[in-house]
Amino acid sequence: MILLQAYKLSVVVACLSYASIKDLKTRTVSDAVWLAMVAAAVPATAYEVYAG
């Protein structure tokens, strides 16, 4: 479970870091960034809920 939490944390930190840099440069962040974060985190969260 620790590895799964580390995976989710790294995905969120990577996406938010990219979004922050993109926002500072262009003042816009593509919806694809948020969709990628959700697509990477939802299966991990679903497995975490299923496994208990």
PDB file of N, CA and C in Angstrom:
ATOM      1  N   MET A   1       0.809  -1.199   0.000  1.00  0.00           N
ATOM      2  CA  MET A   1       0.000   0.000   0.000  1.00  0.00           C
ATOM      3  C   MET A   1       0.855   1.267   0.000  1.00  0.00           C
ATOM      4  N   ILE A   2       2.013   1.192   0.629  1.00  0.00           N
ATOM      5  CA  ILE A   2       2.899   2.356   0.653  1.00  0.00           C
ATOM      6  C   ILE A   2       3.335   2.709  -0.767  1.00  0.00           C
ATOM      7  N   LEU A   3       3.623   1.695  -1.558  1.00  0.00           N
ATOM      8  CA  LEU A   3       4.048   1.928  -2.938  1.00  0.00           C
ATOM      9  C   LEU A   3       2.928   2.572  -3.749  1.00  0.00           C
ATOM     10  N   LEU A   4       1.696   2.148  -3.514  1.00  0.00           N
ATOM     11  CA  LEU A   4       0.549   2.712  -4.219  1.00  0.00           C
ATOM     12  C   LEU A   4       0.352   4.180  -3.842  1.00  0.00           C
ATOM     13  N   GLN A   5       0.493   4.486  -2.580  1.00  0.00           N
ATOM     14  CA  GLN A   5       0.367   5.876  -2.138  1.00  0.00           C
ATOM     15  C   GLN A   5       1.490   6.737  -2.706  1.00  0.00           C
ATOM     16  N   ALA A   6       2.681   6.177  -2.781  1.00  0.00           N
ATOM     17  CA  ALA A   6       3.807   6.909  -3.367  1.00  0.00           C
ATOM     18  C   ALA A   6       3.565   7.173  -4.848  1.00  0.00           C
ATOM     19  N   TYR A   7       2.987   6.194  -5.547  1.00  0.00           N
ATOM     20  CA  TYR A   7       2.655   6.367  -6.964  1.00  0.00           C
ATOM     21  C   TYR A   7       1.648   7.503  -7.138  1.00  0.00           C
ATOM     22  N   LYS A   8       0.578   7.472  -6.350  1.00  0.00           N
ATOM     23  CA  LYS A   8      -0.444   8.510  -6.468  1.00  0.00           C
ATOM     24  C   LYS A   8       0.123   9.886  -6.131  1.00  0.00           C
ATOM     25  N   LEU A   9       0.944   9.958  -5.108  1.00  0.00           N
ATOM     26  CA  LEU A   9       1.552  11.231  -4.734  1.00  0.00           C
ATOM     27  C   LEU A   9       2.456  11.756  -5.841  1.00  0.00           C
ATOM     28  N   SER A  10       3.237  10.882  -6.446  1.00  0.00           N
ATOM     29  CA  SER A  10       4.137  11.327  -7.515  1.00  0.00           C
ATOM     30  C   SER A  10       3.358  11.794  -8.743  1.00  0.00           C
ATOM     31  N   VAL A  11       2.252  11.131  -9.056  1.00  0.00           N
ATOM     32  CA  VAL A  11       1.413  11.554 -10.186  1.00  0.00           C
ATOM     33  C   VAL A  11       0.837  12.943  -9.925  1.00  0.00           C
ATOM     34  N   VAL A  12       0.306  13.149  -8.738  1.00  0.00           N
ATOM     35  CA  VAL A  12      -0.304  14.435  -8.407  1.00  0.00           C
ATOM     36  C   VAL A  12       0.744  15.549  -8.382  1.00  0.00           C
ATOM     37  N   VAL A  13       1.886  15.287  -7.778  1.00  0.00           N
ATOM     38  CA  VAL A  13       2.938  16.309  -7.716  1.00  0.00           C
ATOM     39  C   VAL A  13       3.433  16.653  -9.118  1.00  0.00           C
ATOM     40  N   ALA A  14       3.610  15.644  -9.958  1.00  0.00           N
ATOM     41  CA  ALA A  14       4.076  15.896 -11.325  1.00  0.00           C
ATOM     42  C   ALA A  14       3.063  16.729 -12.107  1.00  0.00           C
ATOM     43  N   CYS A  15       1.794  16.366 -12.021  1.00  0.00           N
ATOM     44  CA  CYS A  15       0.763  17.102 -12.762  1.00  0.00           C
ATOM     45  C   CYS A  15       0.613  18.531 -12.249  1.00  0.00           C
ATOM     46  N   LEU A  16       0.611  18.699 -10.939  1.00  0.00           N
ATOM     47  CA  LEU A  16       0.467  20.044 -10.391  1.00  0.00           C
ATOM     48  C   LEU A  16       1.696  20.908 -10.669  1.00  0.00           C
ATOM     49  N   SER A  17       2.868  20.305 -10.663  1.00  0.00           N
ATOM     50  CA  SER A  17       4.080  21.058 -10.998  1.00  0.00           C
ATOM     51  C   SER A  17       4.044  21.523 -12.446  1.00  0.00           C
ATOM     52  N   TYR A  18       3.684  20.606 -13.341  1.00  0.00           N
ATOM     53  CA  TYR A  18       3.579  20.970 -14.753  1.00  0.00           C
ATOM     54  C   TYR A  18       2.529  22.064 -14.949  1.00  0.00           C
ATOM     55  N   ALA A  19       1.381  21.916 -14.298  1.00  0.00           N
ATOM     56  CA  ALA A  19       0.318  22.907 -14.441  1.00  0.00           C
ATOM     57  C   ALA A  19       0.754  24.267 -13.901  1.00  0.00           C
ATOM     58  N   SER A  20       1.494  24.282 -12.816  1.00  0.00           N
ATOM     59  CA  SER A  20       1.972  25.546 -12.247  1.00  0.00           C
ATOM     60  C   SER A  20       2.926  26.256 -13.194  1.00  0.00           C
ATOM     61  N   ILE A  21       3.862  25.507 -13.747  1.00  0.00           N
ATOM     62  CA  ILE A  21       4.819  26.099 -14.687  1.00  0.00           C
ATOM     63  C   ILE A  21       4.103  26.601 -15.933  1.00  0.00           C
ATOM     64  N   LYS A  22       3.196  25.795 -16.454  1.00  0.00           N
ATOM     65  CA  LYS A  22       2.441  26.173 -17.653  1.00  0.00           C
ATOM     66  C   LYS A  22       1.600  27.423 -17.386  1.00  0.00           C
ATOM     67  N   ASP A  23       1.004  27.500 -16.196  1.00  0.00           N
ATOM     68  CA  ASP A  23       0.181  28.647 -15.840  1.00  0.00           C
ATOM     69  C   ASP A  23       1.022  29.916 -15.730  1.00  0.00           C
ATOM     70  N   LEU A  24       2.198  29.804 -15.163  1.00  0.00           N
ATOM     71  CA  LEU A  24       3.061  30.980 -15.047  1.00  0.00           C
ATOM     72  C   LEU A  24       3.514  31.493 -16.409  1.00  0.00           C
ATOM     73  N   LYS A  25       3.745  30.578 -17.343  1.00  0.00           N
ATOM     74  CA  LYS A  25       4.232  30.980 -18.667  1.00  0.00           C
ATOM     75  C   LYS A  25       3.117  31.480 -19.579  1.00  0.00           C
ATOM     76  N   THR A  26       1.986  30.784 -19.608  1.00  0.00           N
ATOM     77  CA  THR A  26       0.960  31.100 -20.607  1.00  0.00           C
ATOM     78  C   THR A  26      -0.378  31.536 -20.020  1.00  0.00           C
ATOM     79  N   ARG A  27      -0.535  31.404 -18.695  1.00  0.00           N
ATOM     80  CA  ARG A  27      -1.786  31.730 -17.996  1.00  0.00           C
ATOM     81  C   ARG A  27      -2.937  30.805 -18.378  1.00  0.00           C
ATOM     82  N   THR A  28      -2.642  29.697 -19.046  1.00  0.00           N
ATOM     83  CA  THR A  28      -3.673  28.701 -19.349  1.00  0.00           C
ATOM     84  C   THR A  28      -3.093  27.310 -19.121  1.00  0.00           C
ATOM     85  N   VAL A  29      -3.948  26.415 -18.672  1.00  0.00           N
ATOM     86  CA  VAL A  29      -3.558  25.019 -18.487  1.00  0.00           C
ATOM     87  C   VAL A  29      -4.583  24.171 -19.221  1.00  0.00           C
ATOM     88  N   SER A  30      -4.097  23.290 -20.049  1.00  0.00           N
ATOM     89  CA  SER A  30      -4.965  22.442 -20.851  1.00  0.00           C
ATOM     90  C   SER A  30      -5.744  21.464 -19.971  1.00  0.00           C
ATOM     91  N   ASP A  31      -6.953  21.152 -20.407  1.00  0.00           N
ATOM     92  CA  ASP A  31      -7.754  20.152 -19.705  1.00  0.00           C
ATOM     93  C   ASP A  31      -7.098  18.777 -19.752  1.00  0.00           C
ATOM     94  N   ALA A  32      -6.229  18.562 -20.711  1.00  0.00           N
ATOM     95  CA  ALA A  32      -5.550  17.269 -20.833  1.00  0.00           C
ATOM     96  C   ALA A  32      -4.693  16.971 -19.601  1.00  0.00           C
ATOM     97  N   VAL A  33      -4.183  18.008 -18.963  1.00  0.00           N
ATOM     98  CA  VAL A  33      -3.377  17.808 -17.752  1.00  0.00           C
ATOM     99  C   VAL A  33      -4.235  17.191 -16.655  1.00  0.00           C
ATOM    100  N   TRP A  34      -5.422  17.733 -16.466  1.00  0.00           N
ATOM    101  CA  TRP A  34      -6.306  17.232 -15.412  1.00  0.00           C
ATOM    102  C   TRP A  34      -6.833  15.847 -15.773  1.00  0.00           C
ATOM    103  N   LEU A  35      -7.129  15.630 -17.038  1.00  0.00           N
ATOM    104  CA  LEU A  35      -7.602  14.306 -17.455  1.00  0.00           C
ATOM    105  C   LEU A  35      -6.518  13.249 -17.280  1.00  0.00           C
ATOM    106  N   ALA A  36      -5.283  13.614 -17.550  1.00  0.00           N
ATOM    107  CA  ALA A  36      -4.175  12.673 -17.355  1.00  0.00           C
ATOM    108  C   ALA A  36      -4.008  12.339 -15.877  1.00  0.00           C
ATOM    109  N   MET A  37      -4.152  13.342 -15.027  1.00  0.00           N
ATOM    110  CA  MET A  37      -4.027  13.096 -13.594  1.00  0.00           C
ATOM    111  C   MET A  37      -5.140  12.176 -13.109  1.00  0.00           C
ATOM    112  N   VAL A  38      -6.347  12.420 -13.556  1.00  0.00           N
ATOM    113  CA  VAL A  38      -7.472  11.571 -13.167  1.00  0.00           C
ATOM    114  C   VAL A  38      -7.302  10.166 -13.721  1.00  0.00           C
ATOM    115  N   ALA A  39      -6.890  10.061 -14.975  1.00  0.00           N
ATOM    116  CA  ALA A  39      -6.714   8.746 -15.598  1.00  0.00           C
ATOM    117  C   ALA A  39      -5.639   7.927 -14.897  1.00  0.00           C
ATOM    118  N   ALA A  40      -4.641   8.579 -14.345  1.00  0.00           N
ATOM    119  CA  ALA A  40      -3.572   7.860 -13.651  1.00  0.00           C
ATOM    120  C   ALA A  40      -3.946   7.540 -12.204  1.00  0.00           C
ATOM    121  N   ALA A  41      -4.728   8.392 -11.568  1.00  0.00           N
ATOM    122  CA  ALA A  41      -5.015   8.223 -10.144  1.00  0.00           C
ATOM    123  C   ALA A  41      -6.258   7.386  -9.854  1.00  0.00           C
ATOM    124  N   VAL A  42      -7.255   7.432 -10.706  1.00  0.00           N
ATOM    125  CA  VAL A  42      -8.500   6.711 -10.429  1.00  0.00           C
ATOM    126  C   VAL A  42      -8.305   5.197 -10.360  1.00  0.00           C
ATOM    127  N   PRO A  43      -7.608   4.575 -11.296  1.00  0.00           N
ATOM    128  CA  PRO A  43      -7.414   3.123 -11.160  1.00  0.00           C
ATOM    129  C   PRO A  43      -6.651   2.748  -9.885  1.00  0.00           C
ATOM    130  N   ALA A  44      -5.678   3.545  -9.517  1.00  0.00           N
ATOM    131  CA  ALA A  44      -4.922   3.268  -8.293  1.00  0.00           C
ATOM    132  C   ALA A  44      -5.812   3.418  -7.060  1.00  0.00           C
ATOM    133  N   THR A  45      -6.652   4.427  -7.050  1.00  0.00           N
ATOM    134  CA  THR A  45      -7.567   4.628  -5.934  1.00  0.00           C
ATOM    135  C   THR A  45      -8.611   3.525  -5.882  1.00  0.00           C
ATOM    136  N   ALA A  46      -9.119   3.127  -7.035  1.00  0.00           N
ATOM    137  CA  ALA A  46     -10.097   2.037  -7.076  1.00  0.00           C
ATOM    138  C   ALA A  46      -9.490   0.746  -6.536  1.00  0.00           C
ATOM    139  N   TYR A  47      -8.256   0.463  -6.904  1.00  0.00           N
ATOM    140  CA  TYR A  47      -7.590  -0.731  -6.387  1.00  0.00           C
ATOM    141  C   TYR A  47      -7.380  -0.629  -4.881  1.00  0.00           C
ATOM    142  N   GLU A  48      -7.030   0.557  -4.425  1.00  0.00           N
ATOM    143  CA  GLU A  48      -6.811   0.766  -2.997  1.00  0.00           C
ATOM    144  C   GLU A  48      -8.106   0.536  -2.208  1.00  0.00           C
ATOM    145  N   VAL A  49      -9.221   1.000  -2.736  1.00  0.00           N
ATOM    146  CA  VAL A  49     -10.517   0.795  -2.086  1.00  0.00           C
ATOM    147  C   VAL A  49     -10.897  -0.683  -2.124  1.00  0.00           C
ATOM    148  N   TYR A  50     -10.685  -1.317  -3.271  1.00  0.00           N
ATOM    149  CA  TYR A  50     -11.028  -2.735  -3.430  1.00  0.00           C
ATOM    150  C   TYR A  50     -10.189  -3.623  -2.515  1.00  0.00           C
ATOM    151  N   ALA A  51      -8.903  -3.341  -2.419  1.00  0.00           N
ATOM    152  CA  ALA A  51      -7.995  -4.173  -1.624  1.00  0.00           C
ATOM    153  C   ALA A  51      -8.157  -3.931  -0.119  1.00  0.00           C
ATOM    154  N   GLY A  52      -8.742  -2.806   0.212  1.00  0.00           N
ATOM    155  CA  GLY A  52      -9.001  -2.529   1.621  1.00  0.00           C
ATOM    156  C   GLY A  52      -7.900  -1.790   2.235  1.00  0.00           C
TER     157      GLY A  52
END
